[in-house]
Amino acid sequence: MLLLAAGSASASVLVLGEGLAPGCSKAAFRGRSDKASIETCSRALDEALTTRDRAGTLVNRGVMQMRGKAYIPALRDFDEAIRLSPDLGEAFVNRGVLRMADRDYAGALAEIDRGIALGVDEPAKAYFNRALAQEGLGDAKAAWLDYRKAQALDPDWDAPGRQLVRFRVGQ
């Protein structure tokens, strides 16, 4: 795999309840990718989990692996999460980010669109990633609109604003 799309945002899954899975979830949301956090997720997968929590834990471990540039294991986790829970939008968004790493922007856009349609916990990140895919396809207007949508969905997140300053809007 090529380098991951610069500045892409991974989409984690909130997992509540008992055991190690909530700790895995918290680590993913906090941006962790260290070996201990990944191991927490792996150990959580050995526990009795609902199908949805197992899929969410796979996504969270995949997110951490992706951050650590372990793209093949991350893809396996996203694929397994989709097999278990085909309505888990975050798995599709993250699989789209991996497609961007291979410069498959059309494939990335399709994956991210599917994730958005299914619903995600952090839609701003999904629209941000979709903007990156749009830019990869050379569609500056669509990218600008998606960065604006990401900014509107999470005004406190500065990443969309940093991208928007690169655009000039003409009449």
C-alpha atoms as a PDB file:
ATOM      1  CA  MET A   1       0.000   0.000   0.000  1.00  0.00           C
ATOM      2  CA  LEU A   2       1.091   3.537  -0.641  1.00  0.00           C
ATOM      3  CA  LEU A   3       1.224   6.150   2.066  1.00  0.00           C
ATOM      4  CA  LEU A   4      -2.138   6.820   3.609  1.00  0.00           C
ATOM      5  CA  ALA A   5      -3.974   9.869   2.324  1.00  0.00           C
ATOM      6  CA  ALA A   6      -2.443  12.870   4.014  1.00  0.00           C
ATOM      7  CA  GLY A   7      -4.595  14.135   6.799  1.00  0.00           C
ATOM      8  CA  SER A   8      -7.290  11.483   6.478  1.00  0.00           C
ATOM      9  CA  ALA A   9      -9.497  11.001   9.513  1.00  0.00           C
ATOM     10  CA  SER A  10     -10.277   7.544  10.836  1.00  0.00           C
ATOM     11  CA  ALA A  11     -13.755   6.746  12.089  1.00  0.00           C
ATOM     12  CA  SER A  12     -13.927   4.868  15.387  1.00  0.00           C
ATOM     13  CA  VAL A  13     -16.910   3.033  16.865  1.00  0.00           C
ATOM     14  CA  LEU A  14     -18.265   3.677  20.342  1.00  0.00           C
ATOM     15  CA  VAL A  15     -18.472   0.414  22.294  1.00  0.00           C
ATOM     16  CA  LEU A  16     -20.010   0.488  25.765  1.00  0.00           C
ATOM     17  CA  GLY A  17     -20.489  -2.187  28.375  1.00  0.00           C
ATOM     18  CA  GLU A  18     -18.204  -4.490  30.311  1.00  0.00           C
ATOM     19  CA  GLY A  19     -14.808  -5.998  29.628  1.00  0.00           C
ATOM     20  CA  LEU A  20     -11.977  -4.707  27.450  1.00  0.00           C
ATOM     21  CA  ALA A  21     -13.971  -3.565  24.397  1.00  0.00           C
ATOM     22  CA  PRO A  22     -14.880  -0.137  25.881  1.00  0.00           C
ATOM     23  CA  GLY A  23     -11.184   0.458  26.623  1.00  0.00           C
ATOM     24  CA  CYS A  24     -10.348  -0.406  23.022  1.00  0.00           C
ATOM     25  CA  SER A  25     -13.029   2.039  21.893  1.00  0.00           C
ATOM     26  CA  LYS A  26     -11.681   4.841  24.101  1.00  0.00           C
ATOM     27  CA  ALA A  27      -8.146   4.264  22.831  1.00  0.00           C
ATOM     28  CA  ALA A  28      -9.326   4.459  19.210  1.00  0.00           C
ATOM     29  CA  PHE A  29     -11.243   7.694  19.839  1.00  0.00           C
ATOM     30  CA  ARG A  30      -8.177   9.165  21.568  1.00  0.00           C
ATOM     31  CA  GLY A  31      -6.032   8.552  18.496  1.00  0.00           C
ATOM     32  CA  ARG A  32      -3.915   5.763  19.964  1.00  0.00           C
ATOM     33  CA  SER A  33      -1.997   3.282  17.832  1.00  0.00           C
ATOM     34  CA  ASP A  34       0.470   1.861  20.333  1.00  0.00           C
ATOM     35  CA  LYS A  35       1.039  -1.862  20.745  1.00  0.00           C
ATOM     36  CA  ALA A  36      -0.654  -1.995  24.171  1.00  0.00           C
ATOM     37  CA  SER A  37      -3.861  -0.407  22.849  1.00  0.00           C
ATOM     38  CA  ILE A  38      -3.987  -2.766  19.880  1.00  0.00           C
ATOM     39  CA  GLU A  39      -3.407  -5.690  22.252  1.00  0.00           C
ATOM     40  CA  THR A  40      -6.323  -4.494  24.405  1.00  0.00           C
ATOM     41  CA  CYS A  41      -8.542  -4.706  21.331  1.00  0.00           C
ATOM     42  CA  SER A  42      -7.215  -8.152  20.448  1.00  0.00           C
ATOM     43  CA  ARG A  43      -7.869  -9.407  23.972  1.00  0.00           C
ATOM     44  CA  ALA A  44     -11.350  -7.855  23.889  1.00  0.00           C
ATOM     45  CA  LEU A  45     -12.110  -9.957  20.801  1.00  0.00           C
ATOM     46  CA  ASP A  46     -11.475 -13.069  22.917  1.00  0.00           C
ATOM     47  CA  GLU A  47     -14.303 -12.031  25.268  1.00  0.00           C
ATOM     48  CA  ALA A  48     -18.008 -12.733  24.849  1.00  0.00           C
ATOM     49  CA  LEU A  49     -19.257  -9.776  22.790  1.00  0.00           C
ATOM     50  CA  THR A  50     -22.438  -9.029  20.920  1.00  0.00           C
ATOM     51  CA  THR A  51     -22.036  -9.188  17.158  1.00  0.00           C
ATOM     52  CA  ARG A  52     -22.231  -5.393  16.950  1.00  0.00           C
ATOM     53  CA  ASP A  53     -19.613  -4.886  19.691  1.00  0.00           C
ATOM     54  CA  ARG A  54     -17.315  -7.469  18.062  1.00  0.00           C
ATOM     55  CA  ALA A  55     -17.629  -5.640  14.730  1.00  0.00           C
ATOM     56  CA  GLY A  56     -17.052  -2.283  16.437  1.00  0.00           C
ATOM     57  CA  THR A  57     -13.982  -3.630  18.230  1.00  0.00           C
ATOM     58  CA  LEU A  58     -12.622  -4.914  14.918  1.00  0.00           C
ATOM     59  CA  VAL A  59     -13.115  -1.465  13.405  1.00  0.00           C
ATOM     60  CA  ASN A  60     -11.383   0.173  16.366  1.00  0.00           C
ATOM     61  CA  ARG A  61      -8.432  -2.209  16.173  1.00  0.00           C
ATOM     62  CA  GLY A  62      -8.293  -1.653  12.415  1.00  0.00           C
ATOM     63  CA  VAL A  63      -8.236   2.108  12.938  1.00  0.00           C
ATOM     64  CA  MET A  64      -5.260   1.765  15.283  1.00  0.00           C
ATOM     65  CA  GLN A  65      -3.486  -0.572  12.881  1.00  0.00           C
ATOM     66  CA  MET A  66      -4.120   1.850  10.028  1.00  0.00           C
ATOM     67  CA  ARG A  67      -2.607   4.679  12.084  1.00  0.00           C
ATOM     68  CA  GLY A  68       0.421   2.464  12.664  1.00  0.00           C
ATOM     69  CA  LYS A  69       0.684   1.789   8.905  1.00  0.00           C
ATOM     70  CA  ALA A  70      -0.285  -1.899   9.286  1.00  0.00           C
ATOM     71  CA  TYR A  71      -2.657  -1.610   6.335  1.00  0.00           C
ATOM     72  CA  ILE A  72      -3.193  -5.280   5.485  1.00  0.00           C
ATOM     73  CA  PRO A  73      -4.247  -6.270   9.032  1.00  0.00           C
ATOM     74  CA  ALA A  74      -6.424  -3.136   9.174  1.00  0.00           C
ATOM     75  CA  LEU A  75      -8.173  -4.128   5.940  1.00  0.00           C
ATOM     76  CA  ARG A  76      -8.757  -7.636   7.289  1.00  0.00           C
ATOM     77  CA  ASP A  77     -10.368  -6.147  10.406  1.00  0.00           C
ATOM     78  CA  PHE A  78     -12.621  -3.831   8.379  1.00  0.00           C
ATOM     79  CA  ASP A  79     -13.642  -6.671   6.055  1.00  0.00           C
ATOM     80  CA  GLU A  80     -14.469  -8.941   9.009  1.00  0.00           C
ATOM     81  CA  ALA A  81     -16.427  -6.136  10.697  1.00  0.00           C
ATOM     82  CA  ILE A  82     -18.490  -5.717   7.522  1.00  0.00           C
ATOM     83  CA  ARG A  83     -19.058  -9.473   7.326  1.00  0.00           C
ATOM     84  CA  LEU A  84     -20.346  -9.472  10.909  1.00  0.00           C
ATOM     85  CA  SER A  85     -22.288  -6.219  10.722  1.00  0.00           C
ATOM     86  CA  PRO A  86     -22.884  -5.060   7.130  1.00  0.00           C
ATOM     87  CA  ASP A  87     -24.662  -1.936   8.384  1.00  0.00           C
ATOM     88  CA  LEU A  88     -21.626  -0.535  10.245  1.00  0.00           C
ATOM     89  CA  GLY A  89     -20.848   2.660   8.359  1.00  0.00           C
ATOM     90  CA  GLU A  90     -17.471   3.265  10.007  1.00  0.00           C
ATOM     91  CA  ALA A  91     -16.062   0.061   8.529  1.00  0.00           C
ATOM     92  CA  PHE A  92     -16.879   1.304   5.029  1.00  0.00           C
ATOM     93  CA  VAL A  93     -15.486   4.798   5.675  1.00  0.00           C
ATOM     94  CA  ASN A  94     -12.210   3.342   6.929  1.00  0.00           C
ATOM     95  CA  ARG A  95     -12.017   0.898   4.048  1.00  0.00           C
ATOM     96  CA  GLY A  96     -12.430   3.946   1.809  1.00  0.00           C
ATOM     97  CA  VAL A  97      -9.471   5.620   3.504  1.00  0.00           C
ATOM     98  CA  LEU A  98      -7.385   2.533   2.749  1.00  0.00           C
ATOM     99  CA  ARG A  99      -8.470   2.712  -0.908  1.00  0.00           C
ATOM    100  CA  MET A 100      -7.199   6.294  -1.015  1.00  0.00           C
ATOM    101  CA  ALA A 101      -3.828   4.975   0.124  1.00  0.00           C
ATOM    102  CA  ASP A 102      -3.765   2.986  -3.129  1.00  0.00           C
ATOM    103  CA  ARG A 103      -4.955   6.059  -5.064  1.00  0.00           C
ATOM    104  CA  ASP A 104      -8.216   4.310  -5.875  1.00  0.00           C
ATOM    105  CA  TYR A 105     -10.221   7.487  -5.337  1.00  0.00           C
ATOM    106  CA  ALA A 106     -13.335   6.276  -7.153  1.00  0.00           C
ATOM    107  CA  GLY A 107     -13.377   3.131  -5.015  1.00  0.00           C
ATOM    108  CA  ALA A 108     -12.726   5.215  -1.904  1.00  0.00           C
ATOM    109  CA  LEU A 109     -15.613   7.518  -2.757  1.00  0.00           C
ATOM    110  CA  ALA A 110     -17.975   4.565  -3.220  1.00  0.00           C
ATOM    111  CA  GLU A 111     -16.948   3.055   0.136  1.00  0.00           C
ATOM    112  CA  ILE A 112     -17.275   6.376   1.984  1.00  0.00           C
ATOM    113  CA  ASP A 113     -20.629   7.133   0.360  1.00  0.00           C
ATOM    114  CA  ARG A 114     -21.882   3.742   1.511  1.00  0.00           C
ATOM    115  CA  GLY A 115     -20.649   4.419   5.039  1.00  0.00           C
ATOM    116  CA  ILE A 116     -22.358   7.816   5.127  1.00  0.00           C
ATOM    117  CA  ALA A 117     -25.595   6.302   3.840  1.00  0.00           C
ATOM    118  CA  LEU A 118     -25.497   3.679   6.606  1.00  0.00           C
ATOM    119  CA  GLY A 119     -24.755   6.291   9.254  1.00  0.00           C
ATOM    120  CA  VAL A 120     -21.644   6.950  11.322  1.00  0.00           C
ATOM    121  CA  ASP A 121     -20.986   8.261  14.821  1.00  0.00           C
ATOM    122  CA  GLU A 122     -18.644  10.978  13.509  1.00  0.00           C
ATOM    123  CA  PRO A 123     -20.095  12.227  10.204  1.00  0.00           C
ATOM    124  CA  ALA A 124     -17.670  15.153  10.009  1.00  0.00           C
ATOM    125  CA  LYS A 125     -14.799  12.689   9.587  1.00  0.00           C
ATOM    126  CA  ALA A 126     -16.683  10.813   6.885  1.00  0.00           C
ATOM    127  CA  TYR A 127     -17.329  14.001   4.909  1.00  0.00           C
ATOM    128  CA  PHE A 128     -13.720  15.091   5.413  1.00  0.00           C
ATOM    129  CA  ASN A 129     -12.497  11.799   3.960  1.00  0.00           C
ATOM    130  CA  ARG A 130     -14.995  12.079   1.131  1.00  0.00           C
ATOM    131  CA  ALA A 131     -13.559  15.526   0.376  1.00  0.00           C
ATOM    132  CA  LEU A 132     -10.091  13.988   0.132  1.00  0.00           C
ATOM    133  CA  ALA A 133     -11.400  11.373  -2.306  1.00  0.00           C
ATOM    134  CA  GLN A 134     -13.136  14.105  -4.348  1.00  0.00           C
ATOM    135  CA  GLU A 135      -9.856  15.997  -4.542  1.00  0.00           C
ATOM    136  CA  GLY A 136      -8.113  12.826  -5.666  1.00  0.00           C
ATOM    137  CA  LEU A 137     -10.657  12.593  -8.479  1.00  0.00           C
ATOM    138  CA  GLY A 138      -9.988  16.223  -9.432  1.00  0.00           C
ATOM    139  CA  ASP A 139     -13.431  17.499  -8.393  1.00  0.00           C
ATOM    140  CA  ALA A 140     -12.483  20.646  -6.458  1.00  0.00           C
ATOM    141  CA  LYS A 141     -16.071  21.900  -6.133  1.00  0.00           C
ATOM    142  CA  ALA A 142     -17.310  18.637  -4.593  1.00  0.00           C
ATOM    143  CA  ALA A 143     -14.278  18.573  -2.287  1.00  0.00           C
ATOM    144  CA  TRP A 144     -14.939  22.155  -1.167  1.00  0.00           C
ATOM    145  CA  LEU A 145     -18.586  21.322  -0.455  1.00  0.00           C
ATOM    146  CA  ASP A 146     -17.618  18.256   1.591  1.00  0.00           C
ATOM    147  CA  TYR A 147     -14.998  20.172   3.593  1.00  0.00           C
ATOM    148  CA  ARG A 148     -17.691  22.787   4.298  1.00  0.00           C
ATOM    149  CA  LYS A 149     -20.111  20.040   5.384  1.00  0.00           C
ATOM    150  CA  ALA A 150     -17.465  18.541   7.691  1.00  0.00           C
ATOM    151  CA  GLN A 151     -16.819  21.977   9.177  1.00  0.00           C
ATOM    152  CA  ALA A 152     -20.541  22.583   9.727  1.00  0.00           C
ATOM    153  CA  LEU A 153     -20.970  19.179  11.385  1.00  0.00           C
ATOM    154  CA  ASP A 154     -18.074  19.744  13.805  1.00  0.00           C
ATOM    155  CA  PRO A 155     -17.205  23.454  14.067  1.00  0.00           C
ATOM    156  CA  ASP A 156     -14.662  22.781  16.846  1.00  0.00           C
ATOM    157  CA  TRP A 157     -12.563  20.483  14.630  1.00  0.00           C
ATOM    158  CA  ASP A 158      -9.991  22.585  12.802  1.00  0.00           C
ATOM    159  CA  ALA A 159      -8.940  20.110  10.072  1.00  0.00           C
ATOM    160  CA  PRO A 160     -11.686  21.072   7.570  1.00  0.00           C
ATOM    161  CA  GLY A 161     -10.908  24.766   8.002  1.00  0.00           C
ATOM    162  CA  ARG A 162      -7.223  24.136   7.327  1.00  0.00           C
ATOM    163  CA  GLN A 163      -8.192  22.515   4.031  1.00  0.00           C
ATOM    164  CA  LEU A 164     -10.730  25.173   3.066  1.00  0.00           C
ATOM    165  CA  VAL A 165      -8.108  27.955   3.129  1.00  0.00           C
ATOM    166  CA  ARG A 166      -6.508  26.315   0.084  1.00  0.00           C
ATOM    167  CA  PHE A 167      -9.599  26.994  -2.042  1.00  0.00           C
ATOM    168  CA  ARG A 168     -10.521  30.134  -3.923  1.00  0.00           C
ATOM    169  CA  VAL A 169     -14.201  30.572  -4.589  1.00  0.00           C
ATOM    170  CA  GLY A 170     -14.947  32.423  -7.795  1.00  0.00           C
ATOM    171  CA  GLN A 171     -18.104  34.013  -9.117  1.00  0.00           C
END
